[in-house]
Amino acid sequence: MERMAAEHLRFATALQQVTEASTDTYAVDTNEIPMLNEGLYSTARHLEQSRSLLEDEAKGWEEGVLEDLKRQRDTLVSMRDLFDRRDKYAKDNIPYLEKRISNNEQKLQGIRSKAPELIKPGEAEKVEDAIFRVRWFYLSNICFHADFDVQDKESIVQQHARGVFIKECVRDELLYFQQSQYHISRLHQDWSQERVKYAELQAENWRTLSEEVEGMPTGE
């Protein structure tokens, strides 16, 4: 459109220059030269008007539909990034903790099933402490050092809650994404309306030109 607008300008300029030679071209009878030149000027004016409309329409593409397409692209990219973040940061160590608790509970059960004289002092208490205590644990996919003991089971509860929270966030993002996909409808509606508007403006421009050149001499 910008290239066509530039061509319209060149064409209009050329027509204006042609009028300078009209008198010499029609030297035998110059009575109708003013009407002839006026028609040429009219064509040049409407070519410039068409050029202006084309430039406006091209600008509308850049500021309208192009930005709409960028927005649509960004929405798709953001959804891809959402699942990348989930895969990277939504990990937990719940299976490890549950397995460790289960093993220690079985070990504690085995100790308690022994005869009292076979149980070493503090043996059962040590296993009980191992069930409920952990010095290092992974939460939010980042290793935290605990200045105080944190219970394994409490960590599991926290990580379960975090997992539910992440799923709810993903659900909300999916709902928003689904709604945003309908932006493509608005994009097409706005784009088609713009095409109609400029088509009508161009048609009116050429219709006016047709009326203005109607009085140009035909030599008959």
N, C-alpha and C. Protein backbone atom coordinates (compact mmCIF):
# COMPACT_ATOMS: atom_id res chain seq x y z
N MET A 1 0.83 -1.21 0.00
CA MET A 1 0.00 0.00 0.00
C MET A 1 0.86 1.26 0.00
N GLU A 2 1.94 1.22 0.77
CA GLU A 2 2.84 2.38 0.80
C GLU A 2 3.50 2.58 -0.56
N ARG A 3 3.86 1.48 -1.22
CA ARG A 3 4.47 1.58 -2.55
C ARG A 3 3.45 2.14 -3.56
N MET A 4 2.22 1.66 -3.46
CA MET A 4 1.18 2.18 -4.37
C MET A 4 0.92 3.66 -4.11
N ALA A 5 0.94 4.05 -2.84
CA ALA A 5 0.76 5.47 -2.49
C ALA A 5 1.86 6.32 -3.11
N ALA A 6 3.08 5.82 -3.08
CA ALA A 6 4.20 6.55 -3.68
C ALA A 6 4.02 6.68 -5.19
N GLU A 7 3.52 5.62 -5.83
CA GLU A 7 3.27 5.66 -7.27
C GLU A 7 2.17 6.66 -7.61
N HIS A 8 1.15 6.73 -6.78
CA HIS A 8 0.09 7.71 -7.00
C HIS A 8 0.65 9.13 -6.95
N LEU A 9 1.55 9.37 -6.03
CA LEU A 9 2.16 10.70 -5.92
C LEU A 9 2.97 11.02 -7.18
N ARG A 10 3.72 10.07 -7.65
CA ARG A 10 4.52 10.28 -8.87
C ARG A 10 3.59 10.55 -10.06
N PHE A 11 2.51 9.80 -10.13
CA PHE A 11 1.56 9.97 -11.23
C PHE A 11 0.93 11.36 -11.15
N ALA A 12 0.52 11.80 -9.96
CA ALA A 12 -0.10 13.12 -9.80
C ALA A 12 0.87 14.23 -10.18
N THR A 13 2.11 14.09 -9.77
CA THR A 13 3.13 15.10 -10.11
C THR A 13 3.34 15.17 -11.61
N ALA A 14 3.37 14.00 -12.24
CA ALA A 14 3.56 13.96 -13.70
C ALA A 14 2.41 14.64 -14.43
N LEU A 15 1.19 14.41 -13.95
CA LEU A 15 0.03 15.05 -14.60
C LEU A 15 0.09 16.56 -14.45
N GLN A 16 0.49 17.04 -13.30
CA GLN A 16 0.60 18.49 -13.11
C GLN A 16 1.65 19.09 -14.04
N GLN A 17 2.71 18.34 -14.29
CA GLN A 17 3.75 18.81 -15.21
C GLN A 17 3.26 18.78 -16.67
N VAL A 18 2.40 17.80 -16.95
CA VAL A 18 1.86 17.71 -18.32
C VAL A 18 1.08 18.97 -18.68
N THR A 19 0.38 19.56 -17.71
CA THR A 19 -0.43 20.75 -18.01
C THR A 19 0.43 21.90 -18.53
N GLU A 20 1.70 21.91 -18.19
CA GLU A 20 2.58 22.99 -18.64
C GLU A 20 2.79 22.95 -20.16
N ALA A 21 2.57 21.77 -20.73
CA ALA A 21 2.79 21.63 -22.18
C ALA A 21 1.48 21.59 -22.96
N SER A 22 0.37 21.79 -22.27
CA SER A 22 -0.93 21.68 -22.95
C SER A 22 -1.09 22.70 -24.07
N THR A 23 -0.68 23.95 -23.80
CA THR A 23 -0.84 25.01 -24.81
C THR A 23 -0.07 24.68 -26.08
N ASP A 24 1.16 24.22 -25.93
CA ASP A 24 1.96 23.86 -27.11
C ASP A 24 1.39 22.64 -27.82
N THR A 25 0.84 21.71 -27.03
CA THR A 25 0.32 20.48 -27.63
C THR A 25 -0.92 20.75 -28.47
N TYR A 26 -1.77 21.67 -27.98
CA TYR A 26 -3.01 21.98 -28.69
C TYR A 26 -2.94 23.39 -29.27
N ALA A 27 -1.83 23.72 -29.88
CA ALA A 27 -1.58 25.08 -30.38
C ALA A 27 -2.57 25.51 -31.45
N VAL A 28 -3.15 24.56 -32.19
CA VAL A 28 -4.08 24.92 -33.27
C VAL A 28 -5.34 25.56 -32.69
N ASP A 29 -5.83 25.05 -31.55
CA ASP A 29 -7.03 25.59 -30.91
C ASP A 29 -6.83 25.51 -29.41
N THR A 30 -6.55 26.64 -28.79
CA THR A 30 -6.25 26.68 -27.35
C THR A 30 -7.43 27.12 -26.50
N ASN A 31 -8.60 27.24 -27.10
CA ASN A 31 -9.76 27.72 -26.36
C ASN A 31 -10.17 26.77 -25.22
N GLU A 32 -9.96 25.49 -25.44
CA GLU A 32 -10.42 24.51 -24.45
C GLU A 32 -9.31 24.05 -23.50
N ILE A 33 -8.15 24.70 -23.58
CA ILE A 33 -7.03 24.33 -22.73
C ILE A 33 -7.37 24.44 -21.24
N PRO A 34 -8.03 25.52 -20.78
CA PRO A 34 -8.36 25.63 -19.35
C PRO A 34 -9.18 24.44 -18.84
N MET A 35 -10.18 24.04 -19.64
CA MET A 35 -11.01 22.91 -19.23
C MET A 35 -10.19 21.60 -19.23
N LEU A 36 -9.32 21.48 -20.21
CA LEU A 36 -8.46 20.29 -20.28
C LEU A 36 -7.54 20.23 -19.07
N ASN A 37 -6.89 21.35 -18.77
CA ASN A 37 -5.97 21.38 -17.64
C ASN A 37 -6.70 21.15 -16.31
N GLU A 38 -7.89 21.71 -16.21
CA GLU A 38 -8.65 21.53 -14.98
C GLU A 38 -8.94 20.05 -14.74
N GLY A 39 -9.23 19.32 -15.82
CA GLY A 39 -9.45 17.88 -15.69
C GLY A 39 -8.19 17.15 -15.25
N LEU A 40 -7.05 17.57 -15.83
CA LEU A 40 -5.78 16.96 -15.43
C LEU A 40 -5.47 17.27 -13.96
N TYR A 41 -5.72 18.51 -13.56
CA TYR A 41 -5.50 18.87 -12.16
C TYR A 41 -6.41 18.07 -11.22
N SER A 42 -7.65 17.86 -11.67
CA SER A 42 -8.59 17.08 -10.85
C SER A 42 -8.07 15.66 -10.66
N THR A 43 -7.59 15.06 -11.75
CA THR A 43 -7.04 13.70 -11.64
C THR A 43 -5.86 13.68 -10.68
N ALA A 44 -5.00 14.70 -10.80
CA ALA A 44 -3.84 14.76 -9.91
C ALA A 44 -4.29 14.90 -8.45
N ARG A 45 -5.29 15.75 -8.20
CA ARG A 45 -5.77 15.95 -6.84
C ARG A 45 -6.32 14.65 -6.25
N HIS A 46 -7.09 13.95 -7.03
CA HIS A 46 -7.70 12.73 -6.50
C HIS A 46 -6.69 11.59 -6.39
N LEU A 47 -5.68 11.61 -7.21
CA LEU A 47 -4.60 10.65 -7.02
C LEU A 47 -3.88 10.92 -5.69
N GLU A 48 -3.69 12.19 -5.39
CA GLU A 48 -3.08 12.53 -4.10
C GLU A 48 -4.00 12.16 -2.94
N GLN A 49 -5.30 12.35 -3.14
CA GLN A 49 -6.25 11.95 -2.11
C GLN A 49 -6.21 10.43 -1.91
N SER A 50 -6.14 9.69 -3.00
CA SER A 50 -6.04 8.24 -2.91
C SER A 50 -4.74 7.84 -2.21
N ARG A 51 -3.67 8.58 -2.53
CA ARG A 51 -2.38 8.30 -1.87
C ARG A 51 -2.51 8.48 -0.36
N SER A 52 -3.18 9.56 0.05
CA SER A 52 -3.35 9.81 1.48
C SER A 52 -4.16 8.71 2.15
N LEU A 53 -5.20 8.24 1.46
CA LEU A 53 -6.02 7.15 2.01
C LEU A 53 -5.21 5.86 2.13
N LEU A 54 -4.40 5.58 1.12
CA LEU A 54 -3.56 4.38 1.17
C LEU A 54 -2.56 4.44 2.33
N GLU A 55 -1.98 5.61 2.54
CA GLU A 55 -1.02 5.75 3.65
C GLU A 55 -1.73 5.59 4.99
N ASP A 56 -2.92 6.16 5.11
CA ASP A 56 -3.68 6.01 6.35
C ASP A 56 -4.04 4.55 6.59
N GLU A 57 -4.44 3.86 5.51
CA GLU A 57 -4.81 2.46 5.65
C GLU A 57 -3.60 1.61 6.03
N ALA A 58 -2.46 1.90 5.41
CA ALA A 58 -1.23 1.16 5.75
C ALA A 58 -0.86 1.39 7.21
N LYS A 59 -1.02 2.63 7.67
CA LYS A 59 -0.74 2.93 9.07
C LYS A 59 -1.70 2.18 9.99
N GLY A 60 -2.95 2.08 9.54
CA GLY A 60 -3.93 1.33 10.32
C GLY A 60 -3.56 -0.14 10.44
N TRP A 61 -2.97 -0.70 9.38
CA TRP A 61 -2.51 -2.09 9.44
C TRP A 61 -1.43 -2.23 10.50
N GLU A 62 -0.51 -1.27 10.52
CA GLU A 62 0.61 -1.35 11.46
C GLU A 62 0.15 -1.18 12.91
N GLU A 63 -0.75 -0.21 13.11
CA GLU A 63 -1.18 0.10 14.48
C GLU A 63 -2.37 -0.75 14.92
N GLY A 64 -3.05 -1.37 13.98
CA GLY A 64 -4.22 -2.15 14.32
C GLY A 64 -3.99 -3.64 14.22
N VAL A 65 -4.15 -4.17 13.02
CA VAL A 65 -4.11 -5.63 12.86
C VAL A 65 -2.76 -6.21 13.22
N LEU A 66 -1.68 -5.50 12.93
CA LEU A 66 -0.35 -6.03 13.27
C LEU A 66 -0.19 -6.15 14.79
N GLU A 67 -0.63 -5.12 15.51
CA GLU A 67 -0.55 -5.18 16.97
C GLU A 67 -1.48 -6.26 17.52
N ASP A 68 -2.65 -6.43 16.88
CA ASP A 68 -3.55 -7.49 17.30
C ASP A 68 -2.91 -8.86 17.12
N LEU A 69 -2.23 -9.06 16.01
CA LEU A 69 -1.55 -10.33 15.76
C LEU A 69 -0.41 -10.55 16.76
N LYS A 70 0.29 -9.48 17.11
CA LYS A 70 1.35 -9.59 18.11
C LYS A 70 0.75 -10.00 19.46
N ARG A 71 -0.39 -9.41 19.79
CA ARG A 71 -1.05 -9.75 21.05
C ARG A 71 -1.45 -11.22 21.05
N GLN A 72 -1.96 -11.69 19.92
CA GLN A 72 -2.36 -13.10 19.82
C GLN A 72 -1.15 -14.01 19.98
N ARG A 73 -0.05 -13.61 19.36
CA ARG A 73 1.19 -14.39 19.48
C ARG A 73 1.67 -14.41 20.92
N ASP A 74 1.64 -13.24 21.58
CA ASP A 74 2.10 -13.16 22.97
C ASP A 74 1.26 -14.04 23.89
N THR A 75 -0.03 -14.13 23.60
CA THR A 75 -0.91 -14.98 24.41
C THR A 75 -0.51 -16.43 24.29
N LEU A 76 -0.21 -16.86 23.08
CA LEU A 76 0.21 -18.25 22.86
C LEU A 76 1.56 -18.52 23.53
N VAL A 77 2.47 -17.58 23.41
CA VAL A 77 3.79 -17.74 24.03
C VAL A 77 3.66 -17.80 25.55
N SER A 78 2.79 -16.96 26.12
CA SER A 78 2.62 -16.96 27.57
C SER A 78 2.07 -18.30 28.07
N MET A 79 1.21 -18.92 27.27
CA MET A 79 0.68 -20.23 27.66
C MET A 79 1.77 -21.29 27.60
N ARG A 80 2.61 -21.23 26.61
CA ARG A 80 3.75 -22.15 26.54
C ARG A 80 4.67 -21.96 27.75
N ASP A 81 4.93 -20.69 28.09
CA ASP A 81 5.80 -20.40 29.23
C ASP A 81 5.17 -20.87 30.54
N LEU A 82 3.84 -20.82 30.63
CA LEU A 82 3.16 -21.29 31.84
C LEU A 82 3.49 -22.75 32.11
N PHE A 83 3.39 -23.60 31.09
CA PHE A 83 3.66 -25.01 31.30
C PHE A 83 5.15 -25.29 31.47
N ASP A 84 5.98 -24.44 30.87
CA ASP A 84 7.42 -24.57 31.12
C ASP A 84 7.72 -24.29 32.59
N ARG A 85 7.09 -23.25 33.15
CA ARG A 85 7.30 -22.92 34.56
C ARG A 85 6.76 -24.01 35.47
N ARG A 86 5.60 -24.54 35.09
CA ARG A 86 5.03 -25.61 35.91
C ARG A 86 5.95 -26.82 35.95
N ASP A 87 6.45 -27.21 34.77
CA ASP A 87 7.35 -28.37 34.72
C ASP A 87 8.63 -28.13 35.51
N LYS A 88 9.07 -26.88 35.54
CA LYS A 88 10.34 -26.57 36.19
C LYS A 88 10.20 -26.36 37.69
N TYR A 89 9.11 -25.72 38.12
CA TYR A 89 9.02 -25.31 39.52
C TYR A 89 7.97 -26.05 40.35
N ALA A 90 7.13 -26.84 39.72
CA ALA A 90 6.04 -27.47 40.47
C ALA A 90 6.42 -28.84 41.02
N LYS A 91 7.69 -29.12 41.09
CA LYS A 91 8.13 -30.42 41.60
C LYS A 91 8.06 -30.44 43.12
N ASP A 92 7.94 -31.67 43.69
CA ASP A 92 7.98 -31.82 45.13
C ASP A 92 8.67 -33.14 45.48
N ASN A 93 8.95 -33.33 46.75
CA ASN A 93 9.61 -34.56 47.21
C ASN A 93 8.68 -35.37 48.10
N ILE A 94 7.38 -35.25 47.85
CA ILE A 94 6.40 -35.98 48.64
C ILE A 94 6.60 -37.49 48.56
N PRO A 95 6.77 -38.10 47.37
CA PRO A 95 6.97 -39.56 47.33
C PRO A 95 8.16 -40.01 48.18
N TYR A 96 9.24 -39.23 48.16
CA TYR A 96 10.42 -39.59 48.96
C TYR A 96 10.11 -39.54 50.44
N LEU A 97 9.40 -38.46 50.86
CA LEU A 97 9.06 -38.32 52.27
C LEU A 97 8.11 -39.42 52.72
N GLU A 98 7.11 -39.73 51.90
CA GLU A 98 6.15 -40.77 52.26
C GLU A 98 6.82 -42.13 52.37
N LYS A 99 7.74 -42.40 51.47
CA LYS A 99 8.45 -43.68 51.52
C LYS A 99 9.33 -43.76 52.77
N ARG A 100 10.00 -42.65 53.10
CA ARG A 100 10.86 -42.65 54.27
C ARG A 100 10.05 -42.83 55.55
N ILE A 101 8.89 -42.15 55.60
CA ILE A 101 8.02 -42.30 56.78
C ILE A 101 7.54 -43.73 56.90
N SER A 102 7.11 -44.31 55.75
CA SER A 102 6.62 -45.69 55.78
C SER A 102 7.70 -46.66 56.25
N ASN A 103 8.92 -46.49 55.75
CA ASN A 103 10.01 -47.39 56.16
C ASN A 103 10.30 -47.25 57.66
N ASN A 104 10.30 -46.02 58.17
CA ASN A 104 10.58 -45.81 59.58
C ASN A 104 9.45 -46.34 60.47
N GLU A 105 8.20 -46.20 59.98
CA GLU A 105 7.09 -46.73 60.76
C GLU A 105 7.15 -48.25 60.85
N GLN A 106 7.54 -48.89 59.73
CA GLN A 106 7.71 -50.35 59.76
C GLN A 106 8.85 -50.74 60.70
N LYS A 107 9.92 -49.95 60.67
CA LYS A 107 11.05 -50.21 61.55
C LYS A 107 10.65 -50.05 63.01
N LEU A 108 9.85 -48.99 63.30
CA LEU A 108 9.39 -48.75 64.66
C LEU A 108 8.47 -49.88 65.12
N GLN A 109 7.61 -50.34 64.21
CA GLN A 109 6.72 -51.45 64.55
C GLN A 109 7.53 -52.70 64.88
N GLY A 110 8.62 -52.93 64.12
CA GLY A 110 9.47 -54.09 64.40
C GLY A 110 10.16 -53.98 65.75
N ILE A 111 10.59 -52.77 66.12
CA ILE A 111 11.24 -52.57 67.41
C ILE A 111 10.26 -52.83 68.55
N ARG A 112 9.04 -52.32 68.41
CA ARG A 112 8.06 -52.46 69.48
C ARG A 112 7.58 -53.91 69.65
N SER A 113 7.75 -54.68 68.58
CA SER A 113 7.34 -56.08 68.67
C SER A 113 8.39 -56.94 69.39
N LYS A 114 9.57 -56.41 69.65
CA LYS A 114 10.62 -57.15 70.36
C LYS A 114 10.30 -57.22 71.85
N ALA A 115 10.96 -58.14 72.45
CA ALA A 115 10.85 -58.22 73.91
C ALA A 115 11.54 -57.00 74.52
N PRO A 116 11.02 -56.46 75.62
CA PRO A 116 11.57 -55.23 76.20
C PRO A 116 13.06 -55.32 76.47
N GLU A 117 13.54 -56.50 76.85
CA GLU A 117 14.96 -56.58 77.17
C GLU A 117 15.84 -56.56 75.93
N LEU A 118 15.25 -56.78 74.75
CA LEU A 118 16.02 -56.76 73.51
C LEU A 118 16.09 -55.38 72.87
N ILE A 119 15.29 -54.45 73.38
CA ILE A 119 15.25 -53.09 72.82
C ILE A 119 16.35 -52.25 73.45
N LYS A 120 17.20 -51.67 72.64
CA LYS A 120 18.27 -50.82 73.14
C LYS A 120 17.70 -49.51 73.67
N PRO A 121 18.32 -48.94 74.67
CA PRO A 121 17.83 -47.66 75.22
C PRO A 121 17.81 -46.55 74.15
N GLY A 122 16.68 -45.91 74.03
CA GLY A 122 16.54 -44.79 73.07
C GLY A 122 16.36 -45.21 71.63
N GLU A 123 16.33 -46.53 71.37
CA GLU A 123 16.22 -46.99 69.97
C GLU A 123 14.88 -46.59 69.36
N ALA A 124 13.81 -46.83 70.09
CA ALA A 124 12.48 -46.50 69.57
C ALA A 124 12.30 -45.00 69.43
N GLU A 125 12.77 -44.26 70.43
CA GLU A 125 12.64 -42.80 70.37
C GLU A 125 13.39 -42.22 69.16
N LYS A 126 14.54 -42.81 68.85
CA LYS A 126 15.31 -42.33 67.72
C LYS A 126 14.56 -42.52 66.40
N VAL A 127 13.91 -43.68 66.27
CA VAL A 127 13.14 -43.93 65.04
C VAL A 127 11.92 -43.02 64.98
N GLU A 128 11.26 -42.82 66.13
CA GLU A 128 10.11 -41.92 66.16
C GLU A 128 10.52 -40.51 65.73
N ASP A 129 11.67 -40.08 66.23
CA ASP A 129 12.15 -38.75 65.86
C ASP A 129 12.45 -38.68 64.36
N ALA A 130 12.95 -39.78 63.79
CA ALA A 130 13.25 -39.81 62.35
C ALA A 130 11.98 -39.73 61.53
N ILE A 131 10.90 -40.25 62.09
CA ILE A 131 9.63 -40.21 61.35
C ILE A 131 9.12 -38.79 61.24
N PHE A 132 9.23 -38.04 62.32
CA PHE A 132 8.61 -36.72 62.37
C PHE A 132 9.56 -35.55 62.13
N ARG A 133 10.84 -35.83 62.04
CA ARG A 133 11.80 -34.74 61.92
C ARG A 133 12.61 -34.84 60.64
N VAL A 134 12.95 -33.66 60.10
CA VAL A 134 13.85 -33.62 58.95
C VAL A 134 14.63 -32.30 59.03
N ARG A 135 15.90 -32.37 58.76
CA ARG A 135 16.73 -31.16 58.85
C ARG A 135 16.73 -30.40 57.53
N TRP A 136 16.76 -31.12 56.45
CA TRP A 136 16.75 -30.48 55.13
C TRP A 136 15.52 -30.95 54.39
N PHE A 137 14.84 -30.11 53.72
CA PHE A 137 13.73 -30.52 52.87
C PHE A 137 13.62 -29.56 51.69
N TYR A 138 12.99 -30.06 50.65
CA TYR A 138 12.81 -29.27 49.44
C TYR A 138 11.37 -28.82 49.34
N LEU A 139 11.21 -27.52 49.24
CA LEU A 139 9.88 -26.93 49.12
C LEU A 139 9.96 -25.81 48.10
N SER A 140 9.00 -25.75 47.22
CA SER A 140 9.01 -24.77 46.13
C SER A 140 10.21 -24.96 45.21
N ASN A 141 10.70 -26.22 45.16
CA ASN A 141 11.81 -26.57 44.28
C ASN A 141 13.10 -25.84 44.64
N ILE A 142 13.17 -25.28 45.87
CA ILE A 142 14.37 -24.59 46.36
C ILE A 142 14.77 -25.23 47.67
N CYS A 143 16.03 -25.45 47.87
CA CYS A 143 16.49 -26.11 49.09
C CYS A 143 16.60 -25.08 50.21
N PHE A 144 15.86 -25.28 51.29
CA PHE A 144 15.90 -24.39 52.43
C PHE A 144 16.64 -25.10 53.57
N HIS A 145 17.48 -24.38 54.28
CA HIS A 145 18.09 -24.92 55.48
C HIS A 145 17.23 -24.54 56.67
N ALA A 146 16.80 -25.55 57.43
CA ALA A 146 15.92 -25.29 58.56
C ALA A 146 16.75 -25.02 59.80
N ASP A 147 16.56 -23.86 60.39
CA ASP A 147 17.21 -23.56 61.65
C ASP A 147 16.52 -24.30 62.78
N PHE A 148 15.34 -24.80 62.47
CA PHE A 148 14.62 -25.60 63.45
C PHE A 148 14.09 -26.83 62.73
N ASP A 149 13.84 -27.90 63.46
CA ASP A 149 13.37 -29.14 62.85
C ASP A 149 11.98 -28.94 62.26
N VAL A 150 11.77 -29.53 61.07
CA VAL A 150 10.47 -29.44 60.40
C VAL A 150 9.95 -30.84 60.22
N GLN A 151 8.75 -31.08 60.58
CA GLN A 151 8.18 -32.41 60.50
C GLN A 151 7.95 -32.83 59.05
N ASP A 152 8.30 -34.11 58.78
CA ASP A 152 8.09 -34.65 57.44
C ASP A 152 6.63 -34.56 57.04
N LYS A 153 5.77 -34.97 57.97
CA LYS A 153 4.34 -34.99 57.63
C LYS A 153 3.81 -33.59 57.39
N GLU A 154 4.29 -32.62 58.16
CA GLU A 154 3.88 -31.23 57.94
C GLU A 154 4.35 -30.74 56.59
N SER A 155 5.57 -31.16 56.21
CA SER A 155 6.10 -30.78 54.90
C SER A 155 5.25 -31.37 53.79
N ILE A 156 4.78 -32.61 53.97
CA ILE A 156 3.92 -33.23 52.97
C ILE A 156 2.63 -32.46 52.82
N VAL A 157 2.04 -32.08 53.96
CA VAL A 157 0.79 -31.30 53.93
C VAL A 157 1.00 -29.98 53.20
N GLN A 158 2.11 -29.31 53.52
CA GLN A 158 2.40 -28.03 52.87
C GLN A 158 2.59 -28.19 51.37
N GLN A 159 3.31 -29.23 51.00
CA GLN A 159 3.56 -29.44 49.57
C GLN A 159 2.30 -29.86 48.83
N HIS A 160 1.44 -30.63 49.49
CA HIS A 160 0.14 -30.96 48.89
C HIS A 160 -0.66 -29.68 48.66
N ALA A 161 -0.68 -28.81 49.66
CA ALA A 161 -1.42 -27.54 49.54
C ALA A 161 -0.83 -26.70 48.41
N ARG A 162 0.48 -26.70 48.32
CA ARG A 162 1.13 -25.94 47.25
C ARG A 162 0.76 -26.51 45.88
N GLY A 163 0.72 -27.85 45.80
CA GLY A 163 0.35 -28.49 44.54
C GLY A 163 -1.07 -28.13 44.11
N VAL A 164 -1.99 -28.09 45.09
CA VAL A 164 -3.37 -27.69 44.78
C VAL A 164 -3.41 -26.25 44.32
N PHE A 165 -2.64 -25.39 45.00
CA PHE A 165 -2.60 -23.98 44.62
C PHE A 165 -2.08 -23.80 43.20
N ILE A 166 -1.04 -24.56 42.84
CA ILE A 166 -0.48 -24.48 41.48
C ILE A 166 -1.52 -24.91 40.46
N LYS A 167 -2.24 -25.98 40.75
CA LYS A 167 -3.28 -26.46 39.82
C LYS A 167 -4.38 -25.43 39.64
N GLU A 168 -4.75 -24.76 40.74
CA GLU A 168 -5.77 -23.71 40.64
C GLU A 168 -5.27 -22.54 39.80
N CYS A 169 -4.00 -22.19 39.97
CA CYS A 169 -3.43 -21.11 39.16
C CYS A 169 -3.41 -21.48 37.68
N VAL A 170 -3.02 -22.71 37.38
CA VAL A 170 -3.00 -23.18 35.99
C VAL A 170 -4.41 -23.16 35.41
N ARG A 171 -5.39 -23.59 36.24
CA ARG A 171 -6.78 -23.58 35.78
C ARG A 171 -7.23 -22.16 35.44
N ASP A 172 -6.91 -21.21 36.31
CA ASP A 172 -7.30 -19.81 36.07
C ASP A 172 -6.62 -19.28 34.81
N GLU A 173 -5.35 -19.64 34.61
CA GLU A 173 -4.63 -19.20 33.42
C GLU A 173 -5.26 -19.80 32.17
N LEU A 174 -5.67 -21.06 32.25
CA LEU A 174 -6.30 -21.72 31.09
C LEU A 174 -7.64 -21.05 30.76
N LEU A 175 -8.40 -20.69 31.81
CA LEU A 175 -9.67 -20.01 31.57
C LEU A 175 -9.45 -18.66 30.90
N TYR A 176 -8.47 -17.91 31.41
CA TYR A 176 -8.15 -16.61 30.80
C TYR A 176 -7.67 -16.79 29.37
N PHE A 177 -6.84 -17.81 29.15
CA PHE A 177 -6.33 -18.08 27.80
C PHE A 177 -7.48 -18.41 26.85
N GLN A 178 -8.42 -19.24 27.33
CA GLN A 178 -9.54 -19.61 26.48
C GLN A 178 -10.35 -18.39 26.06
N GLN A 179 -10.57 -17.47 27.01
CA GLN A 179 -11.29 -16.24 26.68
C GLN A 179 -10.49 -15.38 25.71
N SER A 180 -9.20 -15.33 25.91
CA SER A 180 -8.36 -14.48 25.06
C SER A 180 -8.34 -14.96 23.62
N GLN A 181 -8.62 -16.25 23.40
CA GLN A 181 -8.60 -16.77 22.04
C GLN A 181 -9.69 -16.15 21.18
N TYR A 182 -10.75 -15.67 21.83
CA TYR A 182 -11.82 -15.04 21.07
C TYR A 182 -11.44 -13.66 20.58
N HIS A 183 -10.27 -13.18 21.01
CA HIS A 183 -9.77 -11.91 20.48
C HIS A 183 -9.57 -12.00 18.97
N ILE A 184 -9.35 -13.21 18.48
CA ILE A 184 -9.16 -13.39 17.04
C ILE A 184 -10.43 -12.98 16.29
N SER A 185 -11.59 -13.15 16.92
CA SER A 185 -12.85 -12.73 16.29
C SER A 185 -12.90 -11.22 16.17
N ARG A 186 -12.55 -10.52 17.26
CA ARG A 186 -12.53 -9.06 17.23
C ARG A 186 -11.52 -8.56 16.23
N LEU A 187 -10.40 -9.26 16.13
CA LEU A 187 -9.37 -8.89 15.17
C LEU A 187 -9.93 -8.89 13.75
N HIS A 188 -10.62 -9.96 13.39
CA HIS A 188 -11.18 -10.07 12.03
C HIS A 188 -12.31 -9.07 11.81
N GLN A 189 -13.10 -8.86 12.84
CA GLN A 189 -14.20 -7.90 12.70
C GLN A 189 -13.67 -6.50 12.46
N ASP A 190 -12.70 -6.08 13.27
CA ASP A 190 -12.12 -4.75 13.11
C ASP A 190 -11.43 -4.62 11.76
N TRP A 191 -10.70 -5.65 11.38
CA TRP A 191 -9.96 -5.63 10.12
C TRP A 191 -10.91 -5.49 8.92
N SER A 192 -12.00 -6.28 8.92
CA SER A 192 -12.94 -6.23 7.80
C SER A 192 -13.66 -4.89 7.74
N GLN A 193 -14.00 -4.34 8.91
CA GLN A 193 -14.67 -3.03 8.94
C GLN A 193 -13.75 -1.93 8.41
N GLU A 194 -12.46 -2.02 8.73
CA GLU A 194 -11.50 -1.06 8.21
C GLU A 194 -11.41 -1.16 6.69
N ARG A 195 -11.43 -2.40 6.16
CA ARG A 195 -11.35 -2.57 4.70
C ARG A 195 -12.57 -1.95 4.02
N VAL A 196 -13.74 -2.15 4.63
CA VAL A 196 -14.97 -1.56 4.07
C VAL A 196 -14.87 -0.04 4.08
N LYS A 197 -14.42 0.51 5.22
CA LYS A 197 -14.33 1.97 5.35
C LYS A 197 -13.44 2.57 4.27
N TYR A 198 -12.25 2.01 4.09
CA TYR A 198 -11.33 2.58 3.11
C TYR A 198 -11.76 2.29 1.68
N ALA A 199 -12.42 1.16 1.47
CA ALA A 199 -12.95 0.88 0.13
C ALA A 199 -14.01 1.91 -0.25
N GLU A 200 -14.86 2.26 0.71
CA GLU A 200 -15.90 3.26 0.45
C GLU A 200 -15.29 4.65 0.23
N LEU A 201 -14.26 4.99 1.01
CA LEU A 201 -13.60 6.28 0.84
C LEU A 201 -12.92 6.38 -0.52
N GLN A 202 -12.27 5.30 -0.94
CA GLN A 202 -11.63 5.29 -2.25
C GLN A 202 -12.66 5.38 -3.37
N ALA A 203 -13.76 4.63 -3.19
CA ALA A 203 -14.82 4.66 -4.21
C ALA A 203 -15.40 6.06 -4.34
N GLU A 204 -15.63 6.73 -3.21
CA GLU A 204 -16.17 8.09 -3.25
C GLU A 204 -15.17 9.05 -3.89
N ASN A 205 -13.89 8.83 -3.62
CA ASN A 205 -12.85 9.66 -4.23
C ASN A 205 -12.87 9.55 -5.75
N TRP A 206 -12.93 8.30 -6.25
CA TRP A 206 -12.93 8.12 -7.71
C TRP A 206 -14.26 8.53 -8.33
N ARG A 207 -15.35 8.39 -7.57
CA ARG A 207 -16.66 8.82 -8.08
C ARG A 207 -16.67 10.34 -8.27
N THR A 208 -16.11 11.05 -7.32
CA THR A 208 -16.03 12.51 -7.44
C THR A 208 -15.15 12.90 -8.61
N LEU A 209 -14.03 12.19 -8.79
CA LEU A 209 -13.16 12.46 -9.93
C LEU A 209 -13.91 12.26 -11.25
N SER A 210 -14.68 11.18 -11.32
CA SER A 210 -15.44 10.90 -12.55
C SER A 210 -16.38 12.04 -12.90
N GLU A 211 -16.98 12.63 -11.86
CA GLU A 211 -17.89 13.75 -12.10
C GLU A 211 -17.11 14.99 -12.54
N GLU A 212 -15.94 15.21 -11.95
CA GLU A 212 -15.16 16.42 -12.27
C GLU A 212 -14.56 16.38 -13.67
N VAL A 213 -14.25 15.21 -14.19
CA VAL A 213 -13.61 15.13 -15.52
C VAL A 213 -14.66 14.98 -16.61
N GLU A 214 -15.93 14.96 -16.19
CA GLU A 214 -16.99 14.80 -17.18
C GLU A 214 -17.00 15.94 -18.17
N GLY A 215 -16.57 17.15 -17.72
CA GLY A 215 -16.61 18.31 -18.60
C GLY A 215 -15.34 18.52 -19.42
N MET A 216 -14.39 17.60 -19.39
CA MET A 216 -13.18 17.77 -20.20
C MET A 216 -13.53 17.69 -21.67
N PRO A 217 -12.89 18.54 -22.48
CA PRO A 217 -13.20 18.54 -23.92
C PRO A 217 -12.79 17.22 -24.59
N THR A 218 -13.64 16.80 -25.55
CA THR A 218 -13.37 15.54 -26.25
C THR A 218 -12.98 15.76 -27.71
N GLY A 219 -13.00 17.05 -28.15
CA GLY A 219 -12.63 17.36 -29.53
C GLY A 219 -13.73 17.07 -30.52
N GLU A 220 -14.91 16.76 -30.04
CA GLU A 220 -16.00 16.47 -30.97
C GLU A 220 -16.76 17.76 -31.31
